[in-house]
Amino acid sequence: STHDGEESVILGAHQQLIKEVPDALLVLVPRHPERFDA
């Protein structure tokens, strides 16, 4: 249920995470369907 502006924080955190946990997988689910492609 992420909103505009949050995904950049989340993806930035995932970039840091995979440096320490290389096989980590992020499941990213935006709140509004009109934002899926973006």
PDB file of all heavy atoms in Angstrom:
ATOM      1  N   SER A   1       0.825  -1.214   0.000  1.00  0.00           N
ATOM      2  CA  SER A   1       0.000   0.000   0.000  1.00  0.00           C
ATOM      3  C   SER A   1       0.856   1.260   0.000  1.00  0.00           C
ATOM      4  O   SER A   1       0.615   2.201   0.761  1.00  0.00           O
ATOM      5  CB  SER A   1      -0.954   0.009   1.202  1.00  0.00           C
ATOM      6  OG  SER A   1      -1.894  -1.020   1.109  1.00  0.00           O
ATOM      7  N   THR A   2       1.860   1.297  -0.871  1.00  0.00           N
ATOM      8  CA  THR A   2       2.759   2.452  -0.920  1.00  0.00           C
ATOM      9  C   THR A   2       2.163   3.586  -1.745  1.00  0.00           C
ATOM     10  O   THR A   2       1.348   3.374  -2.638  1.00  0.00           O
ATOM     11  CB  THR A   2       4.120   2.055  -1.519  1.00  0.00           C
ATOM     12  OG1 THR A   2       3.927   1.559  -2.847  1.00  0.00           O
ATOM     13  CG2 THR A   2       4.788   0.989  -0.666  1.00  0.00           C
ATOM     14  N   HIS A   3       2.610   4.799  -1.428  1.00  0.00           N
ATOM     15  CA  HIS A   3       2.130   6.008  -2.090  1.00  0.00           C
ATOM     16  C   HIS A   3       3.276   6.739  -2.784  1.00  0.00           C
ATOM     17  O   HIS A   3       4.450   6.437  -2.546  1.00  0.00           O
ATOM     18  CB  HIS A   3       1.462   6.925  -1.060  1.00  0.00           C
ATOM     19  CG  HIS A   3       0.184   6.412  -0.514  1.00  0.00           C
ATOM     20  ND1 HIS A   3      -1.055   6.872  -0.902  1.00  0.00           N
ATOM     21  CD2 HIS A   3      -0.059   5.441   0.410  1.00  0.00           C
ATOM     22  CE1 HIS A   3      -1.999   6.222  -0.246  1.00  0.00           C
ATOM     23  NE2 HIS A   3      -1.425   5.343   0.567  1.00  0.00           N
ATOM     24  N   ASP A   4       2.900   7.718  -3.591  1.00  0.00           N
ATOM     25  CA  ASP A   4       3.882   8.508  -4.330  1.00  0.00           C
ATOM     26  C   ASP A   4       4.897   9.114  -3.365  1.00  0.00           C
ATOM     27  O   ASP A   4       4.535   9.717  -2.357  1.00  0.00           O
ATOM     28  CB  ASP A   4       3.162   9.616  -5.098  1.00  0.00           C
ATOM     29  CG  ASP A   4       4.092  10.373  -6.034  1.00  0.00           C
ATOM     30  OD1 ASP A   4       5.115   9.807  -6.441  1.00  0.00           O
ATOM     31  OD2 ASP A   4       3.785  11.534  -6.351  1.00  0.00           O
ATOM     32  N   GLY A   5       6.158   8.968  -3.684  1.00  0.00           N
ATOM     33  CA  GLY A   5       7.227   9.483  -2.832  1.00  0.00           C
ATOM     34  C   GLY A   5       7.819   8.445  -1.901  1.00  0.00           C
ATOM     35  O   GLY A   5       8.955   8.586  -1.441  1.00  0.00           O
ATOM     36  N   GLU A   6       7.059   7.392  -1.610  1.00  0.00           N
ATOM     37  CA  GLU A   6       7.562   6.365  -0.696  1.00  0.00           C
ATOM     38  C   GLU A   6       8.454   5.348  -1.406  1.00  0.00           C
ATOM     39  O   GLU A   6       9.391   4.807  -0.807  1.00  0.00           O
ATOM     40  CB  GLU A   6       6.397   5.628  -0.040  1.00  0.00           C
ATOM     41  CG  GLU A   6       5.588   6.502   0.898  1.00  0.00           C
ATOM     42  CD  GLU A   6       4.598   5.696   1.723  1.00  0.00           C
ATOM     43  OE1 GLU A   6       3.771   4.990   1.119  1.00  0.00           O
ATOM     44  OE2 GLU A   6       4.658   5.773   2.958  1.00  0.00           O
ATOM     45  N   GLU A   7       8.145   5.080  -2.678  1.00  0.00           N
ATOM     46  CA  GLU A   7       8.891   4.019  -3.376  1.00  0.00           C
ATOM     47  C   GLU A   7      10.371   4.347  -3.491  1.00  0.00           C
ATOM     48  O   GLU A   7      11.206   3.449  -3.459  1.00  0.00           O
ATOM     49  CB  GLU A   7       8.295   3.771  -4.766  1.00  0.00           C
ATOM     50  CG  GLU A   7       6.949   3.060  -4.738  1.00  0.00           C
ATOM     51  CD  GLU A   7       5.775   3.998  -4.660  1.00  0.00           C
ATOM     52  OE1 GLU A   7       6.007   5.228  -4.744  1.00  0.00           O
ATOM     53  OE2 GLU A   7       4.627   3.519  -4.531  1.00  0.00           O
ATOM     54  N   SER A   8      10.708   5.634  -3.621  1.00  0.00           N
ATOM     55  CA  SER A   8      12.131   5.985  -3.714  1.00  0.00           C
ATOM     56  C   SER A   8      12.850   5.658  -2.411  1.00  0.00           C
ATOM     57  O   SER A   8      14.004   5.192  -2.429  1.00  0.00           O
ATOM     58  CB  SER A   8      12.293   7.465  -4.058  1.00  0.00           C
ATOM     59  OG  SER A   8      11.648   8.284  -3.104  1.00  0.00           O
ATOM     60  N   VAL A   9      12.198   5.858  -1.281  1.00  0.00           N
ATOM     61  CA  VAL A   9      12.789   5.493   0.019  1.00  0.00           C
ATOM     62  C   VAL A   9      12.929   3.978   0.117  1.00  0.00           C
ATOM     63  O   VAL A   9      13.972   3.450   0.536  1.00  0.00           O
ATOM     64  CB  VAL A   9      11.921   6.030   1.179  1.00  0.00           C
ATOM     65  CG1 VAL A   9      12.521   5.624   2.529  1.00  0.00           C
ATOM     66  CG2 VAL A   9      11.778   7.538   1.095  1.00  0.00           C
ATOM     67  N   ILE A  10      11.888   3.277  -0.288  1.00  0.00           N
ATOM     68  CA  ILE A  10      11.870   1.813  -0.192  1.00  0.00           C
ATOM     69  C   ILE A  10      12.916   1.190  -1.114  1.00  0.00           C
ATOM     70  O   ILE A  10      13.663   0.286  -0.707  1.00  0.00           O
ATOM     71  CB  ILE A  10      10.455   1.304  -0.533  1.00  0.00           C
ATOM     72  CG1 ILE A  10       9.484   1.684   0.602  1.00  0.00           C
ATOM     73  CG2 ILE A  10      10.436  -0.197  -0.784  1.00  0.00           C
ATOM     74  CD1 ILE A  10       8.035   1.671   0.203  1.00  0.00           C
ATOM     75  N   LEU A  11      13.001   1.671  -2.334  1.00  0.00           N
ATOM     76  CA  LEU A  11      13.984   1.128  -3.275  1.00  0.00           C
ATOM     77  C   LEU A  11      15.404   1.478  -2.843  1.00  0.00           C
ATOM     78  O   LEU A  11      16.334   0.672  -3.017  1.00  0.00           O
ATOM     79  CB  LEU A  11      13.692   1.660  -4.678  1.00  0.00           C
ATOM     80  CG  LEU A  11      12.390   1.142  -5.308  1.00  0.00           C
ATOM     81  CD1 LEU A  11      12.022   1.956  -6.554  1.00  0.00           C
ATOM     82  CD2 LEU A  11      12.502  -0.338  -5.658  1.00  0.00           C
ATOM     83  N   GLY A  12      15.573   2.668  -2.258  1.00  0.00           N
ATOM     84  CA  GLY A  12      16.883   3.023  -1.717  1.00  0.00           C
ATOM     85  C   GLY A  12      17.290   2.104  -0.579  1.00  0.00           C
ATOM     86  O   GLY A  12      18.455   1.675  -0.485  1.00  0.00           O
ATOM     87  N   ALA A  13      16.339   1.777   0.285  1.00  0.00           N
ATOM     88  CA  ALA A  13      16.620   0.843   1.379  1.00  0.00           C
ATOM     89  C   ALA A  13      16.961  -0.539   0.836  1.00  0.00           C
ATOM     90  O   ALA A  13      17.849  -1.221   1.357  1.00  0.00           O
ATOM     91  CB  ALA A  13      15.414   0.760   2.315  1.00  0.00           C
ATOM     92  N   HIS A  14      16.266  -0.955  -0.225  1.00  0.00           N
ATOM     93  CA  HIS A  14      16.535  -2.274  -0.803  1.00  0.00           C
ATOM     94  C   HIS A  14      17.926  -2.318  -1.434  1.00  0.00           C
ATOM     95  O   HIS A  14      18.612  -3.358  -1.372  1.00  0.00           O
ATOM     96  CB  HIS A  14      15.463  -2.617  -1.833  1.00  0.00           C
ATOM     97  CG  HIS A  14      15.447  -4.061  -2.233  1.00  0.00           C
ATOM     98  ND1 HIS A  14      15.313  -5.093  -1.326  1.00  0.00           N
ATOM     99  CD2 HIS A  14      15.563  -4.664  -3.464  1.00  0.00           C
ATOM    100  CE1 HIS A  14      15.332  -6.251  -1.963  1.00  0.00           C
ATOM    101  NE2 HIS A  14      15.496  -6.010  -3.264  1.00  0.00           N
ATOM    102  N   GLN A  15      18.355  -1.207  -2.028  1.00  0.00           N
ATOM    103  CA  GLN A  15      19.715  -1.142  -2.563  1.00  0.00           C
ATOM    104  C   GLN A  15      20.748  -1.381  -1.455  1.00  0.00           C
ATOM    105  O   GLN A  15      21.734  -2.098  -1.644  1.00  0.00           O
ATOM    106  CB  GLN A  15      19.972   0.217  -3.212  1.00  0.00           C
ATOM    107  CG  GLN A  15      19.423   0.366  -4.616  1.00  0.00           C
ATOM    108  CD  GLN A  15      19.792   1.691  -5.228  1.00  0.00           C
ATOM    109  OE1 GLN A  15      19.898   2.701  -4.540  1.00  0.00           O
ATOM    110  NE2 GLN A  15      19.979   1.709  -6.547  1.00  0.00           N
ATOM    111  N   GLN A  16      20.514  -0.756  -0.302  1.00  0.00           N
ATOM    112  CA  GLN A  16      21.424  -0.947   0.822  1.00  0.00           C
ATOM    113  C   GLN A  16      21.341  -2.373   1.358  1.00  0.00           C
ATOM    114  O   GLN A  16      22.353  -2.972   1.723  1.00  0.00           O
ATOM    115  CB  GLN A  16      21.096   0.056   1.940  1.00  0.00           C
ATOM    116  CG  GLN A  16      21.283   1.510   1.546  1.00  0.00           C
ATOM    117  CD  GLN A  16      20.870   2.462   2.651  1.00  0.00           C
ATOM    118  OE1 GLN A  16      21.237   2.276   3.806  1.00  0.00           O
ATOM    119  NE2 GLN A  16      20.100   3.483   2.311  1.00  0.00           N
ATOM    120  N   LEU A  17      20.128  -2.913   1.401  1.00  0.00           N
ATOM    121  CA  LEU A  17      19.919  -4.245   1.966  1.00  0.00           C
ATOM    122  C   LEU A  17      20.662  -5.317   1.179  1.00  0.00           C
ATOM    123  O   LEU A  17      21.313  -6.198   1.768  1.00  0.00           O
ATOM    124  CB  LEU A  17      18.420  -4.557   2.012  1.00  0.00           C
ATOM    125  CG  LEU A  17      18.022  -5.956   2.462  1.00  0.00           C
ATOM    126  CD1 LEU A  17      18.413  -6.207   3.912  1.00  0.00           C
ATOM    127  CD2 LEU A  17      16.514  -6.176   2.258  1.00  0.00           C
ATOM    128  N   ILE A  18      20.583  -5.273  -0.143  1.00  0.00           N
ATOM    129  CA  ILE A  18      21.169  -6.359  -0.928  1.00  0.00           C
ATOM    130  C   ILE A  18      22.697  -6.331  -0.919  1.00  0.00           C
ATOM    131  O   ILE A  18      23.326  -7.308  -1.331  1.00  0.00           O
ATOM    132  CB  ILE A  18      20.638  -6.352  -2.388  1.00  0.00           C
ATOM    133  CG1 ILE A  18      20.950  -5.046  -3.098  1.00  0.00           C
ATOM    134  CG2 ILE A  18      19.141  -6.640  -2.401  1.00  0.00           C
ATOM    135  CD1 ILE A  18      20.500  -5.027  -4.556  1.00  0.00           C
ATOM    136  N   LYS A  19      23.267  -5.243  -0.428  1.00  0.00           N
ATOM    137  CA  LYS A  19      24.721  -5.247  -0.245  1.00  0.00           C
ATOM    138  C   LYS A  19      25.112  -6.216   0.871  1.00  0.00           C
ATOM    139  O   LYS A  19      26.192  -6.809   0.849  1.00  0.00           O
ATOM    140  CB  LYS A  19      25.211  -3.840   0.099  1.00  0.00           C
ATOM    141  CG  LYS A  19      25.083  -2.838  -1.045  1.00  0.00           C
ATOM    142  CD  LYS A  19      25.508  -1.447  -0.602  1.00  0.00           C
ATOM    143  CE  LYS A  19      25.308  -0.428  -1.724  1.00  0.00           C
ATOM    144  NZ  LYS A  19      25.645   0.948  -1.293  1.00  0.00           N
ATOM    145  N   GLU A  20      24.229  -6.368   1.848  1.00  0.00           N
ATOM    146  CA  GLU A  20      24.480  -7.255   2.992  1.00  0.00           C
ATOM    147  C   GLU A  20      23.744  -8.583   2.859  1.00  0.00           C
ATOM    148  O   GLU A  20      24.194  -9.603   3.369  1.00  0.00           O
ATOM    149  CB  GLU A  20      24.053  -6.559   4.299  1.00  0.00           C
ATOM    150  CG  GLU A  20      24.695  -5.195   4.534  1.00  0.00           C
ATOM    151  CD  GLU A  20      26.207  -5.288   4.658  1.00  0.00           C
ATOM    152  OE1 GLU A  20      26.715  -6.344   5.123  1.00  0.00           O
ATOM    153  OE2 GLU A  20      26.885  -4.299   4.287  1.00  0.00           O
ATOM    154  N   VAL A  21      22.592  -8.549   2.202  1.00  0.00           N
ATOM    155  CA  VAL A  21      21.788  -9.762   2.013  1.00  0.00           C
ATOM    156  C   VAL A  21      21.509  -9.865   0.507  1.00  0.00           C
ATOM    157  O   VAL A  21      20.436  -9.480   0.040  1.00  0.00           O
ATOM    158  CB  VAL A  21      20.474  -9.704   2.817  1.00  0.00           C
ATOM    159  CG1 VAL A  21      19.744 -11.052   2.774  1.00  0.00           C
ATOM    160  CG2 VAL A  21      20.717  -9.279   4.256  1.00  0.00           C
ATOM    161  N   PRO A  22      22.464 -10.379  -0.274  1.00  0.00           N
ATOM    162  CA  PRO A  22      22.387 -10.305  -1.737  1.00  0.00           C
ATOM    163  C   PRO A  22      21.162 -10.982  -2.352  1.00  0.00           C
ATOM    164  O   PRO A  22      20.724 -10.573  -3.430  1.00  0.00           O
ATOM    165  CB  PRO A  22      23.679 -11.006  -2.185  1.00  0.00           C
ATOM    166  CG  PRO A  22      24.589 -10.917  -1.016  1.00  0.00           C
ATOM    167  CD  PRO A  22      23.717 -10.987   0.193  1.00  0.00           C
ATOM    168  N   ASP A  23      20.627 -12.013  -1.700  1.00  0.00           N
ATOM    169  CA  ASP A  23      19.483 -12.720  -2.302  1.00  0.00           C
ATOM    170  C   ASP A  23      18.138 -12.201  -1.805  1.00  0.00           C
ATOM    171  O   ASP A  23      17.097 -12.817  -2.058  1.00  0.00           O
ATOM    172  CB  ASP A  23      19.600 -14.220  -2.046  1.00  0.00           C
ATOM    173  CG  ASP A  23      19.614 -14.569  -0.556  1.00  0.00           C
ATOM    174  OD1 ASP A  23      19.931 -13.676   0.267  1.00  0.00           O
ATOM    175  OD2 ASP A  23      19.326 -15.736  -0.215  1.00  0.00           O
ATOM    176  N   ALA A  24      18.139 -11.054  -1.102  1.00  0.00           N
ATOM    177  CA  ALA A  24      16.877 -10.489  -0.615  1.00  0.00           C
ATOM    178  C   ALA A  24      15.979 -10.081  -1.780  1.00  0.00           C
ATOM    179  O   ALA A  24      16.441  -9.568  -2.800  1.00  0.00           O
ATOM    180  CB  ALA A  24      17.145  -9.282   0.279  1.00  0.00           C
ATOM    181  N   LEU A  25      14.670 -10.314  -1.624  1.00  0.00           N
ATOM    182  CA  LEU A  25      13.679  -9.979  -2.646  1.00  0.00           C
ATOM    183  C   LEU A  25      12.668  -9.004  -2.057  1.00  0.00           C
ATOM    184  O   LEU A  25      12.148  -9.221  -0.961  1.00  0.00           O
ATOM    185  CB  LEU A  25      12.959 -11.248  -3.115  1.00  0.00           C
ATOM    186  CG  LEU A  25      11.796 -11.061  -4.104  1.00  0.00           C
ATOM    187  CD1 LEU A  25      12.302 -10.549  -5.444  1.00  0.00           C
ATOM    188  CD2 LEU A  25      11.032 -12.379  -4.289  1.00  0.00           C
ATOM    189  N   LEU A  26      12.395  -7.924  -2.780  1.00  0.00           N
ATOM    190  CA  LEU A  26      11.381  -6.948  -2.389  1.00  0.00           C
ATOM    191  C   LEU A  26      10.109  -7.186  -3.195  1.00  0.00           C
ATOM    192  O   LEU A  26      10.141  -7.214  -4.426  1.00  0.00           O
ATOM    193  CB  LEU A  26      11.891  -5.521  -2.640  1.00  0.00           C
ATOM    194  CG  LEU A  26      10.839  -4.400  -2.654  1.00  0.00           C
ATOM    195  CD1 LEU A  26      10.131  -4.274  -1.303  1.00  0.00           C
ATOM    196  CD2 LEU A  26      11.486  -3.065  -3.056  1.00  0.00           C
ATOM    197  N   VAL A  27       8.983  -7.344  -2.493  1.00  0.00           N
ATOM    198  CA  VAL A  27       7.664  -7.403  -3.127  1.00  0.00           C
ATOM    199  C   VAL A  27       7.032  -6.025  -2.941  1.00  0.00           C
ATOM    200  O   VAL A  27       6.742  -5.612  -1.819  1.00  0.00           O
ATOM    201  CB  VAL A  27       6.772  -8.491  -2.500  1.00  0.00           C
ATOM    202  CG1 VAL A  27       5.412  -8.517  -3.178  1.00  0.00           C
ATOM    203  CG2 VAL A  27       7.451  -9.847  -2.591  1.00  0.00           C
ATOM    204  N   LEU A  28       6.867  -5.301  -4.026  1.00  0.00           N
ATOM    205  CA  LEU A  28       6.432  -3.905  -3.965  1.00  0.00           C
ATOM    206  C   LEU A  28       4.999  -3.785  -4.487  1.00  0.00           C
ATOM    207  O   LEU A  28       4.716  -4.127  -5.635  1.00  0.00           O
ATOM    208  CB  LEU A  28       7.383  -3.049  -4.811  1.00  0.00           C
ATOM    209  CG  LEU A  28       7.166  -1.537  -4.824  1.00  0.00           C
ATOM    210  CD1 LEU A  28       7.116  -0.963  -3.410  1.00  0.00           C
ATOM    211  CD2 LEU A  28       8.263  -0.860  -5.640  1.00  0.00           C
ATOM    212  N   VAL A  29       4.089  -3.279  -3.612  1.00  0.00           N
ATOM    213  CA  VAL A  29       2.658  -3.237  -3.948  1.00  0.00           C
ATOM    214  C   VAL A  29       2.128  -1.812  -3.774  1.00  0.00           C
ATOM    215  O   VAL A  29       1.789  -1.407  -2.661  1.00  0.00           O
ATOM    216  CB  VAL A  29       1.848  -4.200  -3.056  1.00  0.00           C
ATOM    217  CG1 VAL A  29       0.410  -4.302  -3.555  1.00  0.00           C
ATOM    218  CG2 VAL A  29       2.492  -5.576  -2.996  1.00  0.00           C
ATOM    219  N   PRO A  30       2.073  -1.021  -4.843  1.00  0.00           N
ATOM    220  CA  PRO A  30       1.513   0.327  -4.739  1.00  0.00           C
ATOM    221  C   PRO A  30       0.037   0.293  -4.350  1.00  0.00           C
ATOM    222  O   PRO A  30      -0.695  -0.634  -4.690  1.00  0.00           O
ATOM    223  CB  PRO A  30       1.695   0.892  -6.156  1.00  0.00           C
ATOM    224  CG  PRO A  30       2.768   0.047  -6.772  1.00  0.00           C
ATOM    225  CD  PRO A  30       2.586  -1.319  -6.187  1.00  0.00           C
ATOM    226  N   ARG A  31      -0.392   1.338  -3.654  1.00  0.00           N
ATOM    227  CA  ARG A  31      -1.771   1.413  -3.172  1.00  0.00           C
ATOM    228  C   ARG A  31      -2.765   1.563  -4.317  1.00  0.00           C
ATOM    229  O   ARG A  31      -3.835   0.967  -4.303  1.00  0.00           O
ATOM    230  CB  ARG A  31      -1.901   2.605  -2.211  1.00  0.00           C
ATOM    231  CG  ARG A  31      -3.316   2.830  -1.653  1.00  0.00           C
ATOM    232  CD  ARG A  31      -3.661   1.838  -0.604  1.00  0.00           C
ATOM    233  NE  ARG A  31      -4.917   2.172   0.073  1.00  0.00           N
ATOM    234  CZ  ARG A  31      -5.448   1.450   1.044  1.00  0.00           C
ATOM    235  NH1 ARG A  31      -4.840   0.355   1.456  1.00  0.00           N
ATOM    236  NH2 ARG A  31      -6.572   1.803   1.622  1.00  0.00           N
ATOM    237  N   HIS A  32      -2.409   2.383  -5.327  1.00  0.00           N
ATOM    238  CA  HIS A  32      -3.360   2.716  -6.380  1.00  0.00           C
ATOM    239  C   HIS A  32      -2.934   2.122  -7.713  1.00  0.00           C
ATOM    240  O   HIS A  32      -1.787   2.287  -8.138  1.00  0.00           O
ATOM    241  CB  HIS A  32      -3.499   4.239  -6.501  1.00  0.00           C
ATOM    242  CG  HIS A  32      -4.017   4.885  -5.252  1.00  0.00           C
ATOM    243  ND1 HIS A  32      -3.275   5.751  -4.488  1.00  0.00           N
ATOM    244  CD2 HIS A  32      -5.211   4.748  -4.622  1.00  0.00           C
ATOM    245  CE1 HIS A  32      -3.992   6.143  -3.447  1.00  0.00           C
ATOM    246  NE2 HIS A  32      -5.164   5.542  -3.508  1.00  0.00           N
ATOM    247  N   PRO A  33      -3.857   1.444  -8.402  1.00  0.00           N
ATOM    248  CA  PRO A  33      -3.495   0.734  -9.636  1.00  0.00           C
ATOM    249  C   PRO A  33      -3.006   1.650 -10.750  1.00  0.00           C
ATOM    250  O   PRO A  33      -2.221   1.224 -11.597  1.00  0.00           O
ATOM    251  CB  PRO A  33      -4.789   0.014 -10.033  1.00  0.00           C
ATOM    252  CG  PRO A  33      -5.875   0.713  -9.289  1.00  0.00           C
ATOM    253  CD  PRO A  33      -5.264   1.204  -8.028  1.00  0.00           C
ATOM    254  N   GLU A  34      -3.449   2.913 -10.752  1.00  0.00           N
ATOM    255  CA  GLU A  34      -3.003   3.812 -11.812  1.00  0.00           C
ATOM    256  C   GLU A  34      -1.506   4.129 -11.710  1.00  0.00           C
ATOM    257  O   GLU A  34      -0.919   4.683 -12.647  1.00  0.00           O
ATOM    258  CB  GLU A  34      -3.824   5.112 -11.805  1.00  0.00           C
ATOM    259  CG  GLU A  34      -3.740   5.918 -10.526  1.00  0.00           C
ATOM    260  CD  GLU A  34      -4.863   5.618  -9.549  1.00  0.00           C
ATOM    261  OE1 GLU A  34      -5.363   4.469  -9.568  1.00  0.00           O
ATOM    262  OE2 GLU A  34      -5.219   6.527  -8.773  1.00  0.00           O
ATOM    263  N   ARG A  35      -0.869   3.743 -10.604  1.00  0.00           N
ATOM    264  CA  ARG A  35       0.563   4.010 -10.419  1.00  0.00           C
ATOM    265  C   ARG A  35       1.424   2.773 -10.681  1.00  0.00           C
ATOM    266  O   ARG A  35       2.654   2.840 -10.564  1.00  0.00           O
ATOM    267  CB  ARG A  35       0.831   4.524  -8.998  1.00  0.00           C
ATOM    268  CG  ARG A  35       0.102   5.827  -8.667  1.00  0.00           C
ATOM    269  CD  ARG A  35       0.530   6.396  -7.308  1.00  0.00           C
ATOM    270  NE  ARG A  35       1.951   6.634  -7.290  1.00  0.00           N
ATOM    271  CZ  ARG A  35       2.823   5.976  -6.525  1.00  0.00           C
ATOM    272  NH1 ARG A  35       2.401   5.002  -5.725  1.00  0.00           N
ATOM    273  NH2 ARG A  35       4.094   6.256  -6.571  1.00  0.00           N
ATOM    274  N   PHE A  36       0.814   1.653 -11.012  1.00  0.00           N
ATOM    275  CA  PHE A  36       1.587   0.416 -11.186  1.00  0.00           C
ATOM    276  C   PHE A  36       2.723   0.579 -12.194  1.00  0.00           C
ATOM    277  O   PHE A  36       3.874   0.235 -11.921  1.00  0.00           O
ATOM    278  CB  PHE A  36       0.670  -0.730 -11.640  1.00  0.00           C
ATOM    279  CG  PHE A  36      -0.244  -1.266 -10.569  1.00  0.00           C
ATOM    280  CD1 PHE A  36      -1.379  -1.985 -10.917  1.00  0.00           C
ATOM    281  CD2 PHE A  36       0.021  -1.071  -9.218  1.00  0.00           C
ATOM    282  CE1 PHE A  36      -2.229  -2.507  -9.945  1.00  0.00           C
ATOM    283  CE2 PHE A  36      -0.820  -1.578  -8.239  1.00  0.00           C
ATOM    284  CZ  PHE A  36      -1.951  -2.295  -8.601  1.00  0.00           C
ATOM    285  N   ASP A  37       2.403   1.116 -13.375  1.00  0.00           N
ATOM    286  CA  ASP A  37       3.420   1.222 -14.429  1.00  0.00           C
ATOM    287  C   ASP A  37       4.538   2.182 -14.027  1.00  0.00           C
ATOM    288  O   ASP A  37       5.724   1.907 -14.269  1.00  0.00           O
ATOM    289  CB  ASP A  37       2.778   1.679 -15.741  1.00  0.00           C
ATOM    290  CG  ASP A  37       1.882   0.611 -16.357  1.00  0.00           C
ATOM    291  OD1 ASP A  37       2.071  -0.580 -16.028  1.00  0.00           O
ATOM    292  OD2 ASP A  37       0.999   0.966 -17.152  1.00  0.00           O
ATOM    293  N   ALA A  38       4.150   3.308 -13.418  1.00  0.00           N
ATOM    294  CA  ALA A  38       5.158   4.293 -13.012  1.00  0.00           C
ATOM    295  C   ALA A  38       6.111   3.718 -11.967  1.00  0.00           C
ATOM    296  O   ALA A  38       7.326   3.943 -12.021  1.00  0.00           O
ATOM    297  CB  ALA A  38       4.479   5.547 -12.466  1.00  0.00           C
TER     298      ALA A  38
END
